[in-house]
Amino acid sequence: YAIQTQDYHFPDGTVGTVYLFTDTSPLAHFMPKFFPLVLLSL
């Protein structure tokens, strides 16, 4: 999962955070096998 964050502030001075999670599993499984072969072919 790839993660992005964004902090924000409420009028009363409290702090919060928004986290965005994105599933990158297919790409993450594909790239470790693909890129070494690409590098080798290069």
All heavy atoms as atom14 arrays in JSON, in Angstrom:
{
  "sequence": "YAIQTQDYHFPDGTVGTVYLFTDTSPLAHFMPKFFPLVLLSL",
  "atom14_mask": [
    [1, 1, 1, 1, 1, 1, 1, 1, 1, 1, 1, 1, 0, 0],
    [1, 1, 1, 1, 1, 0, 0, 0, 0, 0, 0, 0, 0, 0],
    [1, 1, 1, 1, 1, 1, 1, 1, 0, 0, 0, 0, 0, 0],
    [1, 1, 1, 1, 1, 1, 1, 1, 1, 0, 0, 0, 0, 0],
    [1, 1, 1, 1, 1, 1, 1, 0, 0, 0, 0, 0, 0, 0],
    [1, 1, 1, 1, 1, 1, 1, 1, 1, 0, 0, 0, 0, 0],
    [1, 1, 1, 1, 1, 1, 1, 1, 0, 0, 0, 0, 0, 0],
    [1, 1, 1, 1, 1, 1, 1, 1, 1, 1, 1, 1, 0, 0],
    [1, 1, 1, 1, 1, 1, 1, 1, 1, 1, 0, 0, 0, 0],
    [1, 1, 1, 1, 1, 1, 1, 1, 1, 1, 1, 0, 0, 0],
    [1, 1, 1, 1, 1, 1, 1, 0, 0, 0, 0, 0, 0, 0],
    [1, 1, 1, 1, 1, 1, 1, 1, 0, 0, 0, 0, 0, 0],
    [1, 1, 1, 1, 0, 0, 0, 0, 0, 0, 0, 0, 0, 0],
    [1, 1, 1, 1, 1, 1, 1, 0, 0, 0, 0, 0, 0, 0],
    [1, 1, 1, 1, 1, 1, 1, 0, 0, 0, 0, 0, 0, 0],
    [1, 1, 1, 1, 0, 0, 0, 0, 0, 0, 0, 0, 0, 0],
    [1, 1, 1, 1, 1, 1, 1, 0, 0, 0, 0, 0, 0, 0],
    [1, 1, 1, 1, 1, 1, 1, 0, 0, 0, 0, 0, 0, 0],
    [1, 1, 1, 1, 1, 1, 1, 1, 1, 1, 1, 1, 0, 0],
    [1, 1, 1, 1, 1, 1, 1, 1, 0, 0, 0, 0, 0, 0],
    [1, 1, 1, 1, 1, 1, 1, 1, 1, 1, 1, 0, 0, 0],
    [1, 1, 1, 1, 1, 1, 1, 0, 0, 0, 0, 0, 0, 0],
    [1, 1, 1, 1, 1, 1, 1, 1, 0, 0, 0, 0, 0, 0],
    [1, 1, 1, 1, 1, 1, 1, 0, 0, 0, 0, 0, 0, 0],
    [1, 1, 1, 1, 1, 1, 0, 0, 0, 0, 0, 0, 0, 0],
    [1, 1, 1, 1, 1, 1, 1, 0, 0, 0, 0, 0, 0, 0],
    [1, 1, 1, 1, 1, 1, 1, 1, 0, 0, 0, 0, 0, 0],
    [1, 1, 1, 1, 1, 0, 0, 0, 0, 0, 0, 0, 0, 0],
    [1, 1, 1, 1, 1, 1, 1, 1, 1, 1, 0, 0, 0, 0],
    [1, 1, 1, 1, 1, 1, 1, 1, 1, 1, 1, 0, 0, 0],
    [1, 1, 1, 1, 1, 1, 1, 1, 0, 0, 0, 0, 0, 0],
    [1, 1, 1, 1, 1, 1, 1, 0, 0, 0, 0, 0, 0, 0],
    [1, 1, 1, 1, 1, 1, 1, 1, 1, 0, 0, 0, 0, 0],
    [1, 1, 1, 1, 1, 1, 1, 1, 1, 1, 1, 0, 0, 0],
    [1, 1, 1, 1, 1, 1, 1, 1, 1, 1, 1, 0, 0, 0],
    [1, 1, 1, 1, 1, 1, 1, 0, 0, 0, 0, 0, 0, 0],
    [1, 1, 1, 1, 1, 1, 1, 1, 0, 0, 0, 0, 0, 0],
    [1, 1, 1, 1, 1, 1, 1, 0, 0, 0, 0, 0, 0, 0],
    [1, 1, 1, 1, 1, 1, 1, 1, 0, 0, 0, 0, 0, 0],
    [1, 1, 1, 1, 1, 1, 1, 1, 0, 0, 0, 0, 0, 0],
    [1, 1, 1, 1, 1, 1, 0, 0, 0, 0, 0, 0, 0, 0],
    [1, 1, 1, 1, 1, 1, 1, 1, 0, 0, 0, 0, 0, 0]
  ],
  "atom14_positions": [
    [[0.84, -1.19, 0.0], [0.0, 0.0, 0.0], [0.88, 1.25, 0.0], [1.81, 1.37, 0.8], [-0.94, 0.02, 1.22], [-1.88, -1.15, 1.27], [-1.52, -2.34, 1.9], [-3.13, -1.08, 0.66], [-2.37, -3.43, 1.94], [-4.01, -2.17, 0.69], [-3.61, -3.34, 1.32], [-4.46, -4.41, 1.35], [0.0, 0.0, 0.0], [0.0, 0.0, 0.0]],
    [[0.51, 2.17, -0.91], [1.17, 3.48, -0.93], [0.38, 4.43, -0.04], [-0.86, 4.37, 0.0], [1.24, 4.04, -2.33], [0.0, 0.0, 0.0], [0.0, 0.0, 0.0], [0.0, 0.0, 0.0], [0.0, 0.0, 0.0], [0.0, 0.0, 0.0], [0.0, 0.0, 0.0], [0.0, 0.0, 0.0], [0.0, 0.0, 0.0], [0.0, 0.0, 0.0]],
    [[1.08, 5.3, 0.7], [0.43, 6.18, 1.68], [0.77, 7.63, 1.38], [1.93, 7.97, 1.12], [0.89, 5.85, 3.11], [0.62, 4.36, 3.43], [0.18, 6.74, 4.12], [1.19, 3.94, 4.75], [0.0, 0.0, 0.0], [0.0, 0.0, 0.0], [0.0, 0.0, 0.0], [0.0, 0.0, 0.0], [0.0, 0.0, 0.0], [0.0, 0.0, 0.0]],
    [[-0.27, 8.5, 1.42], [-0.1, 9.93, 1.35], [-0.79, 10.55, 2.57], [-1.83, 10.05, 3.02], [-0.71, 10.51, 0.08], [0.09, 10.19, -1.17], [-0.55, 10.78, -2.39], [-1.48, 10.19, -2.94], [-0.06, 11.94, -2.81], [0.0, 0.0, 0.0], [0.0, 0.0, 0.0], [0.0, 0.0, 0.0], [0.0, 0.0, 0.0], [0.0, 0.0, 0.0]],
    [[-0.24, 11.61, 3.12], [-0.8, 12.23, 4.33], [-1.01, 13.72, 4.12], [-0.34, 14.34, 3.29], [0.14, 12.03, 5.53], [1.39, 12.67, 5.25], [0.4, 10.56, 5.8], [0.0, 0.0, 0.0], [0.0, 0.0, 0.0], [0.0, 0.0, 0.0], [0.0, 0.0, 0.0], [0.0, 0.0, 0.0], [0.0, 0.0, 0.0], [0.0, 0.0, 0.0]],
    [[-1.96, 14.28, 4.87], [-2.23, 15.71, 4.86], [-2.67, 16.13, 6.26], [-3.69, 15.65, 6.77], [-3.32, 16.05, 3.84], [-3.73, 17.5, 3.83], [-2.59, 18.4, 3.4], [-1.82, 18.05, 2.52], [-2.48, 19.56, 4.05], [0.0, 0.0, 0.0], [0.0, 0.0, 0.0], [0.0, 0.0, 0.0], [0.0, 0.0, 0.0], [0.0, 0.0, 0.0]],
    [[-1.93, 17.01, 6.9], [-2.31, 17.55, 8.22], [-3.29, 18.7, 8.06], [-3.25, 19.42, 7.05], [-1.06, 18.04, 8.96], [-0.12, 16.89, 9.31], [-0.61, 15.76, 9.44], [1.1, 17.14, 9.41], [0.0, 0.0, 0.0], [0.0, 0.0, 0.0], [0.0, 0.0, 0.0], [0.0, 0.0, 0.0], [0.0, 0.0, 0.0], [0.0, 0.0, 0.0]],
    [[-4.16, 18.89, 9.06], [-5.1, 20.01, 9.04], [-5.32, 20.48, 10.47], [-5.06, 19.76, 11.44], [-6.42, 19.61, 8.37], [-7.19, 18.52, 9.09], [-8.2, 18.86, 10.0], [-6.91, 17.18, 8.85], [-8.92, 17.85, 10.66], [-7.61, 16.18, 9.5], [-8.61, 16.51, 10.41], [-9.29, 15.54, 11.09], [0.0, 0.0, 0.0], [0.0, 0.0, 0.0]],
    [[-5.87, 21.69, 10.64], [-6.06, 22.32, 11.95], [-7.51, 22.79, 12.08], [-8.03, 23.45, 11.18], [-5.11, 23.52, 12.11], [-3.66, 23.14, 12.03], [-2.94, 22.73, 13.11], [-2.81, 23.13, 10.97], [-1.71, 22.47, 12.75], [-1.59, 22.71, 11.42], [0.0, 0.0, 0.0], [0.0, 0.0, 0.0], [0.0, 0.0, 0.0], [0.0, 0.0, 0.0]],
    [[-8.11, 22.44, 13.23], [-9.47, 22.88, 13.52], [-9.45, 24.28, 14.13], [-8.41, 24.72, 14.67], [-10.15, 21.9, 14.48], [-10.44, 20.57, 13.84], [-9.58, 19.5, 14.01], [-11.58, 20.41, 13.05], [-9.84, 18.28, 13.42], [-11.84, 19.17, 12.47], [-10.98, 18.12, 12.63], [0.0, 0.0, 0.0], [0.0, 0.0, 0.0], [0.0, 0.0, 0.0]],
    [[-10.57, 24.97, 14.04], [-10.61, 26.32, 14.62], [-10.26, 26.36, 16.11], [-9.75, 27.37, 16.6], [-12.07, 26.75, 14.38], [-12.49, 25.98, 13.17], [-11.81, 24.65, 13.29], [0.0, 0.0, 0.0], [0.0, 0.0, 0.0], [0.0, 0.0, 0.0], [0.0, 0.0, 0.0], [0.0, 0.0, 0.0], [0.0, 0.0, 0.0], [0.0, 0.0, 0.0]],
    [[-10.55, 25.27, 16.84], [-10.25, 25.27, 18.28], [-8.79, 24.97, 18.56], [-8.38, 24.83, 19.73], [-11.15, 24.28, 19.0], [-10.98, 22.86, 18.47], [-10.12, 22.66, 17.54], [-11.67, 21.93, 18.96], [0.0, 0.0, 0.0], [0.0, 0.0, 0.0], [0.0, 0.0, 0.0], [0.0, 0.0, 0.0], [0.0, 0.0, 0.0], [0.0, 0.0, 0.0]],
    [[-7.97, 24.82, 17.5], [-6.54, 24.59, 17.7], [-6.14, 23.14, 17.69], [-4.93, 22.82, 17.72], [0.0, 0.0, 0.0], [0.0, 0.0, 0.0], [0.0, 0.0, 0.0], [0.0, 0.0, 0.0], [0.0, 0.0, 0.0], [0.0, 0.0, 0.0], [0.0, 0.0, 0.0], [0.0, 0.0, 0.0], [0.0, 0.0, 0.0], [0.0, 0.0, 0.0]],
    [[-7.07, 22.2, 17.63], [-6.71, 20.78, 17.59], [-6.18, 20.44, 16.2], [-6.47, 21.1, 15.2], [-7.92, 19.89, 17.91], [-8.97, 20.21, 16.99], [-8.39, 20.13, 19.35], [0.0, 0.0, 0.0], [0.0, 0.0, 0.0], [0.0, 0.0, 0.0], [0.0, 0.0, 0.0], [0.0, 0.0, 0.0], [0.0, 0.0, 0.0], [0.0, 0.0, 0.0]],
    [[-5.39, 19.35, 16.15], [-4.71, 18.94, 14.92], [-5.23, 17.58, 14.49], [-5.44, 16.68, 15.33], [-3.19, 18.88, 15.11], [-2.51, 18.43, 13.83], [-2.65, 20.24, 15.54], [0.0, 0.0, 0.0], [0.0, 0.0, 0.0], [0.0, 0.0, 0.0], [0.0, 0.0, 0.0], [0.0, 0.0, 0.0], [0.0, 0.0, 0.0], [0.0, 0.0, 0.0]],
    [[-5.4, 17.43, 13.18], [-5.81, 16.15, 12.64], [-4.97, 15.79, 11.42], [-4.24, 16.61, 10.88], [0.0, 0.0, 0.0], [0.0, 0.0, 0.0], [0.0, 0.0, 0.0], [0.0, 0.0, 0.0], [0.0, 0.0, 0.0], [0.0, 0.0, 0.0], [0.0, 0.0, 0.0], [0.0, 0.0, 0.0], [0.0, 0.0, 0.0], [0.0, 0.0, 0.0]],
    [[-5.11, 14.55, 10.97], [-4.36, 14.07, 9.81], [-5.26, 13.19, 8.96], [-6.01, 12.37, 9.51], [-3.13, 13.27, 10.23], [-2.33, 14.07, 11.1], [-2.3, 12.88, 9.02], [0.0, 0.0, 0.0], [0.0, 0.0, 0.0], [0.0, 0.0, 0.0], [0.0, 0.0, 0.0], [0.0, 0.0, 0.0], [0.0, 0.0, 0.0], [0.0, 0.0, 0.0]],
    [[-5.15, 13.37, 7.65], [-5.87, 12.53, 6.7], [-4.84, 11.63, 6.02], [-3.82, 12.11, 5.5], [-6.61, 13.36, 5.65], [-7.34, 12.44, 4.67], [-7.6, 14.31, 6.31], [0.0, 0.0, 0.0], [0.0, 0.0, 0.0], [0.0, 0.0, 0.0], [0.0, 0.0, 0.0], [0.0, 0.0, 0.0], [0.0, 0.0, 0.0], [0.0, 0.0, 0.0]],
    [[-5.09, 10.32, 6.01], [-4.2, 9.34, 5.37], [-4.93, 8.73, 4.18], [-6.09, 8.33, 4.28], [-3.83, 8.23, 6.34], [-3.1, 8.71, 7.57], [-3.8, 9.06, 8.72], [-1.71, 8.8, 7.57], [-3.13, 9.5, 9.85], [-1.04, 9.23, 8.71], [-1.75, 9.59, 9.83], [-1.07, 10.03, 10.95], [0.0, 0.0, 0.0], [0.0, 0.0, 0.0]],
    [[-4.23, 8.69, 3.05], [-4.77, 8.06, 1.83], [-3.95, 6.81, 1.55], [-2.74, 6.88, 1.33], [-4.7, 9.02, 0.64], [-5.14, 8.42, -0.7], [-6.63, 8.06, -0.68], [-4.84, 9.38, -1.86], [0.0, 0.0, 0.0], [0.0, 0.0, 0.0], [0.0, 0.0, 0.0], [0.0, 0.0, 0.0], [0.0, 0.0, 0.0], [0.0, 0.0, 0.0]],
    [[-4.6, 5.66, 1.53], [-3.96, 4.38, 1.25], [-4.4, 3.9, -0.13], [-5.58, 3.94, -0.45], [-4.36, 3.33, 2.3], [-3.87, 3.65, 3.68], [-4.6, 4.48, 4.52], [-2.68, 3.11, 4.15], [-4.15, 4.78, 5.79], [-2.23, 3.4, 5.43], [-2.97, 4.24, 6.26], [0.0, 0.0, 0.0], [0.0, 0.0, 0.0], [0.0, 0.0, 0.0]],
    [[-3.41, 3.46, -0.94], [-3.7, 2.94, -2.27], [-3.03, 1.59, -2.44], [-1.83, 1.44, -2.14], [-3.18, 3.89, -3.37], [-3.76, 5.18, -3.17], [-3.55, 3.39, -4.75], [0.0, 0.0, 0.0], [0.0, 0.0, 0.0], [0.0, 0.0, 0.0], [0.0, 0.0, 0.0], [0.0, 0.0, 0.0], [0.0, 0.0, 0.0], [0.0, 0.0, 0.0]],
    [[-3.82, 0.6, -2.9], [-3.29, -0.75, -3.09], [-2.44, -0.79, -4.37], [-2.94, -0.6, -5.48], [-4.44, -1.74, -3.2], [-3.95, -3.19, -3.17], [-2.7, -3.38, -3.13], [-4.78, -4.09, -3.2], [0.0, 0.0, 0.0], [0.0, 0.0, 0.0], [0.0, 0.0, 0.0], [0.0, 0.0, 0.0], [0.0, 0.0, 0.0], [0.0, 0.0, 0.0]],
    [[-1.14, -1.03, -4.24], [-0.22, -1.12, -5.39], [0.35, -2.53, -5.51], [1.41, -2.72, -6.12], [0.94, -0.12, -5.23], [1.65, -0.42, -4.02], [0.43, 1.3, -5.17], [0.0, 0.0, 0.0], [0.0, 0.0, 0.0], [0.0, 0.0, 0.0], [0.0, 0.0, 0.0], [0.0, 0.0, 0.0], [0.0, 0.0, 0.0], [0.0, 0.0, 0.0]],
    [[-0.35, -3.5, -4.95], [0.2, -4.87, -4.93], [0.49, -5.45, -6.31], [1.57, -6.02, -6.54], [-0.78, -5.79, -4.17], [-0.93, -5.34, -2.85], [0.0, 0.0, 0.0], [0.0, 0.0, 0.0], [0.0, 0.0, 0.0], [0.0, 0.0, 0.0], [0.0, 0.0, 0.0], [0.0, 0.0, 0.0], [0.0, 0.0, 0.0], [0.0, 0.0, 0.0]],
    [[-0.44, -5.34, -7.31], [-0.13, -5.92, -8.63], [1.14, -5.33, -9.22], [1.98, -6.05, -9.76], [-1.37, -5.56, -9.47], [-2.45, -5.38, -8.48], [-1.82, -4.77, -7.27], [0.0, 0.0, 0.0], [0.0, 0.0, 0.0], [0.0, 0.0, 0.0], [0.0, 0.0, 0.0], [0.0, 0.0, 0.0], [0.0, 0.0, 0.0], [0.0, 0.0, 0.0]],
    [[1.27, -3.98, -9.1], [2.46, -3.35, -9.64], [3.69, -3.72, -8.84], [4.77, -3.93, -9.39], [2.26, -1.83, -9.65], [3.3, -1.03, -10.44], [3.27, -1.44, -11.9], [3.04, 0.46, -10.28], [0.0, 0.0, 0.0], [0.0, 0.0, 0.0], [0.0, 0.0, 0.0], [0.0, 0.0, 0.0], [0.0, 0.0, 0.0], [0.0, 0.0, 0.0]],
    [[3.54, -3.82, -7.55], [4.67, -4.17, -6.68], [5.14, -5.6, -6.93], [6.34, -5.89, -6.85], [4.28, -4.01, -5.22], [0.0, 0.0, 0.0], [0.0, 0.0, 0.0], [0.0, 0.0, 0.0], [0.0, 0.0, 0.0], [0.0, 0.0, 0.0], [0.0, 0.0, 0.0], [0.0, 0.0, 0.0], [0.0, 0.0, 0.0], [0.0, 0.0, 0.0]],
    [[4.21, -6.5, -7.26], [4.61, -7.88, -7.57], [5.21, -7.98, -8.97], [6.08, -8.81, -9.22], [3.39, -8.81, -7.47], [3.01, -9.12, -6.06], [3.78, -9.9, -5.22], [1.93, -8.74, -5.32], [3.19, -9.99, -4.03], [2.07, -9.28, -4.06], [0.0, 0.0, 0.0], [0.0, 0.0, 0.0], [0.0, 0.0, 0.0], [0.0, 0.0, 0.0]],
    [[4.71, -7.11, -9.84], [5.16, -7.17, -11.24], [6.56, -6.58, -11.43], [7.41, -7.15, -12.13], [4.14, -6.43, -12.11], [4.53, -6.3, -13.54], [4.5, -7.38, -14.4], [4.93, -5.07, -14.04], [4.86, -7.26, -15.72], [5.29, -4.93, -15.35], [5.25, -6.03, -16.2], [0.0, 0.0, 0.0], [0.0, 0.0, 0.0], [0.0, 0.0, 0.0]],
    [[6.81, -5.45, -10.79], [8.06, -4.73, -11.01], [9.31, -5.49, -10.56], [10.32, -5.44, -11.27], [8.0, -3.36, -10.33], [7.02, -2.41, -11.0], [7.37, -2.22, -12.76], [5.99, -1.18, -13.26], [0.0, 0.0, 0.0], [0.0, 0.0, 0.0], [0.0, 0.0, 0.0], [0.0, 0.0, 0.0], [0.0, 0.0, 0.0], [0.0, 0.0, 0.0]],
    [[9.35, -6.17, -9.44], [10.58, -6.89, -9.05], [11.03, -7.93, -10.05], [12.21, -8.25, -10.16], [10.22, -7.52, -7.71], [9.13, -6.66, -7.16], [8.34, -6.22, -8.35], [0.0, 0.0, 0.0], [0.0, 0.0, 0.0], [0.0, 0.0, 0.0], [0.0, 0.0, 0.0], [0.0, 0.0, 0.0], [0.0, 0.0, 0.0], [0.0, 0.0, 0.0]],
    [[10.08, -8.49, -10.79], [10.46, -9.47, -11.81], [10.73, -8.8, -13.16], [11.58, -9.26, -13.93], [9.34, -10.51, -11.98], [9.1, -11.37, -10.76], [8.05, -12.42, -11.02], [6.67, -11.81, -11.13], [5.62, -12.82, -11.3], [0.0, 0.0, 0.0], [0.0, 0.0, 0.0], [0.0, 0.0, 0.0], [0.0, 0.0, 0.0], [0.0, 0.0, 0.0]],
    [[10.01, -7.72, -13.41], [10.09, -7.09, -14.73], [11.36, -6.23, -14.88], [12.07, -6.34, -15.88], [8.83, -6.24, -14.95], [8.78, -5.56, -16.28], [8.53, -6.28, -17.43], [8.98, -4.19, -16.37], [8.48, -5.64, -18.66], [8.93, -3.55, -17.58], [8.67, -4.28, -18.74], [0.0, 0.0, 0.0], [0.0, 0.0, 0.0], [0.0, 0.0, 0.0]],
    [[11.63, -5.38, -13.91], [12.72, -4.42, -14.06], [14.11, -5.05, -14.14], [14.96, -4.57, -14.88], [12.67, -3.37, -12.95], [11.74, -2.23, -13.28], [10.53, -2.11, -12.64], [12.08, -1.31, -14.24], [9.67, -1.07, -12.96], [11.23, -0.26, -14.56], [10.02, -0.15, -13.92], [0.0, 0.0, 0.0], [0.0, 0.0, 0.0], [0.0, 0.0, 0.0]],
    [[14.41, -6.11, -13.39], [15.73, -6.73, -13.58], [15.94, -7.24, -15.01], [17.04, -7.12, -15.56], [15.73, -7.88, -12.56], [14.79, -7.45, -11.51], [13.71, -6.69, -12.22], [0.0, 0.0, 0.0], [0.0, 0.0, 0.0], [0.0, 0.0, 0.0], [0.0, 0.0, 0.0], [0.0, 0.0, 0.0], [0.0, 0.0, 0.0], [0.0, 0.0, 0.0]],
    [[14.86, -7.8, -15.57], [14.98, -8.27, -16.95], [15.11, -7.09, -17.93], [15.84, -7.18, -18.93], [13.75, -9.11, -17.32], [13.67, -10.48, -16.63], [12.38, -11.18, -17.0], [14.86, -11.34, -17.01], [0.0, 0.0, 0.0], [0.0, 0.0, 0.0], [0.0, 0.0, 0.0], [0.0, 0.0, 0.0], [0.0, 0.0, 0.0], [0.0, 0.0, 0.0]],
    [[14.41, -6.0, -17.63], [14.56, -4.8, -18.45], [15.99, -4.29, -18.39], [16.6, -3.93, -19.41], [13.57, -3.71, -17.99], [13.88, -2.38, -18.68], [12.14, -4.13, -18.32], [0.0, 0.0, 0.0], [0.0, 0.0, 0.0], [0.0, 0.0, 0.0], [0.0, 0.0, 0.0], [0.0, 0.0, 0.0], [0.0, 0.0, 0.0], [0.0, 0.0, 0.0]],
    [[16.54, -4.25, -17.19], [17.92, -3.79, -17.02], [18.89, -4.72, -17.74], [19.83, -4.27, -18.41], [18.26, -3.72, -15.53], [19.67, -3.23, -15.18], [19.88, -1.82, -15.7], [19.91, -3.3, -13.67], [0.0, 0.0, 0.0], [0.0, 0.0, 0.0], [0.0, 0.0, 0.0], [0.0, 0.0, 0.0], [0.0, 0.0, 0.0], [0.0, 0.0, 0.0]],
    [[18.64, -6.04, -17.63], [19.5, -7.0, -18.32], [19.41, -6.83, -19.83], [20.42, -6.89, -20.54], [19.1, -8.42, -17.91], [19.88, -9.57, -18.57], [21.36, -9.47, -18.21], [19.32, -10.92, -18.17], [0.0, 0.0, 0.0], [0.0, 0.0, 0.0], [0.0, 0.0, 0.0], [0.0, 0.0, 0.0], [0.0, 0.0, 0.0], [0.0, 0.0, 0.0]],
    [[18.19, -6.63, -20.32], [18.02, -6.44, -21.78], [18.72, -5.17, -22.24], [19.31, -5.13, -23.33], [16.54, -6.39, -22.14], [15.92, -5.25, -21.58], [0.0, 0.0, 0.0], [0.0, 0.0, 0.0], [0.0, 0.0, 0.0], [0.0, 0.0, 0.0], [0.0, 0.0, 0.0], [0.0, 0.0, 0.0], [0.0, 0.0, 0.0], [0.0, 0.0, 0.0]],
    [[18.68, -4.12, -21.39], [19.36, -2.88, -21.74], [20.86, -3.1, -21.86], [21.51, -2.63, -22.81], [19.06, -1.81, -20.69], [19.74, -0.45, -20.89], [19.3, 0.17, -22.21], [19.44, 0.47, -19.73], [0.0, 0.0, 0.0], [0.0, 0.0, 0.0], [0.0, 0.0, 0.0], [0.0, 0.0, 0.0], [0.0, 0.0, 0.0], [0.0, 0.0, 0.0]]
  ]
}
